[in-house]
Amino acid sequence: MKKIIAKLSLITILTIASTALLAQGPPDPPGDPSTGDDPIGGGAPIGSGIAILLGLGAAYGGRKVYHYWKSQKEELEE
């Protein structure tokens, strides 16, 4: 019975304490995009990032195909 009361009191204390622990609000929005600053959402180019992800995906797929082909070749030799 003491264990149940201890667990319930711990859960109650943590639940009450968590309502006071609020996250920090979002930052102020960036400047006006028409003034020449970065556009809303940032000004990082995404073209090269997409190319890197496609290249890594192709390399991973090629590796999986190679290992599959190698395992099939070993099974045929046995």
C-alpha atoms as a PDB file:
ATOM      1  CA  MET A   1       0.000   0.000   0.000  1.00  0.00           C
ATOM      2  CA  LYS A   2       2.880   2.348   0.807  1.00  0.00           C
ATOM      3  CA  LYS A   3       4.394   1.748  -2.628  1.00  0.00           C
ATOM      4  CA  ILE A   4       1.139   2.686  -4.352  1.00  0.00           C
ATOM      5  CA  ILE A   5       0.800   5.885  -2.327  1.00  0.00           C
ATOM      6  CA  ALA A   6       4.442   6.773  -3.029  1.00  0.00           C
ATOM      7  CA  LYS A   7       4.012   6.212  -6.771  1.00  0.00           C
ATOM      8  CA  LEU A   8       0.762   8.188  -6.909  1.00  0.00           C
ATOM      9  CA  SER A   9       2.256  11.084  -4.959  1.00  0.00           C
ATOM     10  CA  LEU A  10       5.317  11.129  -7.243  1.00  0.00           C
ATOM     11  CA  ILE A  11       3.117  11.150 -10.348  1.00  0.00           C
ATOM     12  CA  THR A  12       0.975  13.930  -8.876  1.00  0.00           C
ATOM     13  CA  ILE A  13       3.994  16.073  -7.981  1.00  0.00           C
ATOM     14  CA  LEU A  14       5.558  15.616 -11.419  1.00  0.00           C
ATOM     15  CA  THR A  15       2.272  16.419 -13.161  1.00  0.00           C
ATOM     16  CA  ILE A  16       1.765  19.600 -11.154  1.00  0.00           C
ATOM     17  CA  ALA A  17       5.405  20.649 -11.600  1.00  0.00           C
ATOM     18  CA  SER A  18       5.307  20.097 -15.362  1.00  0.00           C
ATOM     19  CA  THR A  19       2.593  22.720 -15.824  1.00  0.00           C
ATOM     20  CA  ALA A  20       4.948  25.370 -14.453  1.00  0.00           C
ATOM     21  CA  LEU A  21       7.771  24.351 -16.796  1.00  0.00           C
ATOM     22  CA  LEU A  22       6.709  26.109 -19.963  1.00  0.00           C
ATOM     23  CA  ALA A  23       8.934  26.402 -22.998  1.00  0.00           C
ATOM     24  CA  GLN A  24      10.375  29.664 -24.209  1.00  0.00           C
ATOM     25  CA  GLY A  25       8.297  31.502 -26.790  1.00  0.00           C
ATOM     26  CA  PRO A  26       9.247  31.626 -30.487  1.00  0.00           C
ATOM     27  CA  PRO A  27      11.772  34.226 -31.645  1.00  0.00           C
ATOM     28  CA  ASP A  28      10.727  37.446 -33.319  1.00  0.00           C
ATOM     29  CA  PRO A  29      10.050  37.099 -37.053  1.00  0.00           C
ATOM     30  CA  PRO A  30      12.847  38.160 -39.415  1.00  0.00           C
ATOM     31  CA  GLY A  31      12.863  41.518 -41.131  1.00  0.00           C
ATOM     32  CA  ASP A  32      10.764  42.495 -44.101  1.00  0.00           C
ATOM     33  CA  PRO A  33      11.739  40.408 -47.173  1.00  0.00           C
ATOM     34  CA  SER A  34      11.256  43.378 -49.469  1.00  0.00           C
ATOM     35  CA  THR A  35      14.167  45.245 -47.847  1.00  0.00           C
ATOM     36  CA  GLY A  36      16.742  42.803 -49.263  1.00  0.00           C
ATOM     37  CA  ASP A  37      17.165  40.755 -46.111  1.00  0.00           C
ATOM     38  CA  ASP A  38      16.816  36.990 -46.137  1.00  0.00           C
ATOM     39  CA  PRO A  39      13.323  35.791 -47.045  1.00  0.00           C
ATOM     40  CA  ILE A  40      10.995  34.444 -44.391  1.00  0.00           C
ATOM     41  CA  GLY A  41      12.148  30.936 -43.589  1.00  0.00           C
ATOM     42  CA  GLY A  42      15.820  31.632 -44.268  1.00  0.00           C
ATOM     43  CA  GLY A  43      17.990  32.197 -47.278  1.00  0.00           C
ATOM     44  CA  ALA A  44      19.910  28.912 -47.505  1.00  0.00           C
ATOM     45  CA  PRO A  45      19.991  27.264 -50.938  1.00  0.00           C
ATOM     46  CA  ILE A  46      18.547  23.749 -51.000  1.00  0.00           C
ATOM     47  CA  GLY A  47      19.695  22.648 -54.455  1.00  0.00           C
ATOM     48  CA  SER A  48      23.077  21.310 -53.416  1.00  0.00           C
ATOM     49  CA  GLY A  49      21.610  19.622 -50.352  1.00  0.00           C
ATOM     50  CA  ILE A  50      19.159  17.714 -52.493  1.00  0.00           C
ATOM     51  CA  ALA A  51      21.976  16.612 -54.814  1.00  0.00           C
ATOM     52  CA  ILE A  52      23.998  15.341 -51.848  1.00  0.00           C
ATOM     53  CA  LEU A  53      21.008  13.406 -50.481  1.00  0.00           C
ATOM     54  CA  LEU A  54      20.298  11.864 -53.894  1.00  0.00           C
ATOM     55  CA  GLY A  55      23.941  10.851 -54.264  1.00  0.00           C
ATOM     56  CA  LEU A  56      24.042   9.275 -50.813  1.00  0.00           C
ATOM     57  CA  GLY A  57      20.778   7.457 -51.499  1.00  0.00           C
ATOM     58  CA  ALA A  58      22.133   6.095 -54.787  1.00  0.00           C
ATOM     59  CA  ALA A  59      25.341   4.945 -53.072  1.00  0.00           C
ATOM     60  CA  TYR A  60      23.358   3.228 -50.309  1.00  0.00           C
ATOM     61  CA  GLY A  61      21.069   1.531 -52.843  1.00  0.00           C
ATOM     62  CA  GLY A  62      24.061   0.411 -54.897  1.00  0.00           C
ATOM     63  CA  ARG A  63      25.687  -1.059 -51.807  1.00  0.00           C
ATOM     64  CA  LYS A  64      22.502  -2.969 -50.917  1.00  0.00           C
ATOM     65  CA  VAL A  65      22.212  -4.337 -54.475  1.00  0.00           C
ATOM     66  CA  TYR A  66      25.889  -5.344 -54.485  1.00  0.00           C
ATOM     67  CA  HIS A  67      25.575  -7.221 -51.191  1.00  0.00           C
ATOM     68  CA  TYR A  68      22.389  -8.930 -52.376  1.00  0.00           C
ATOM     69  CA  TRP A  69      24.066  -9.942 -55.634  1.00  0.00           C
ATOM     70  CA  LYS A  70      27.114 -11.213 -53.727  1.00  0.00           C
ATOM     71  CA  SER A  71      24.966 -13.310 -51.344  1.00  0.00           C
ATOM     72  CA  GLN A  72      23.036 -14.806 -54.273  1.00  0.00           C
ATOM     73  CA  LYS A  73      26.304 -15.699 -56.024  1.00  0.00           C
ATOM     74  CA  GLU A  74      27.602 -17.432 -52.872  1.00  0.00           C
ATOM     75  CA  GLU A  75      24.348 -19.424 -52.549  1.00  0.00           C
ATOM     76  CA  LEU A  76      24.627 -20.618 -56.152  1.00  0.00           C
ATOM     77  CA  GLU A  77      28.223 -21.761 -55.610  1.00  0.00           C
ATOM     78  CA  GLU A  78      27.216 -23.928 -52.631  1.00  0.00           C
END
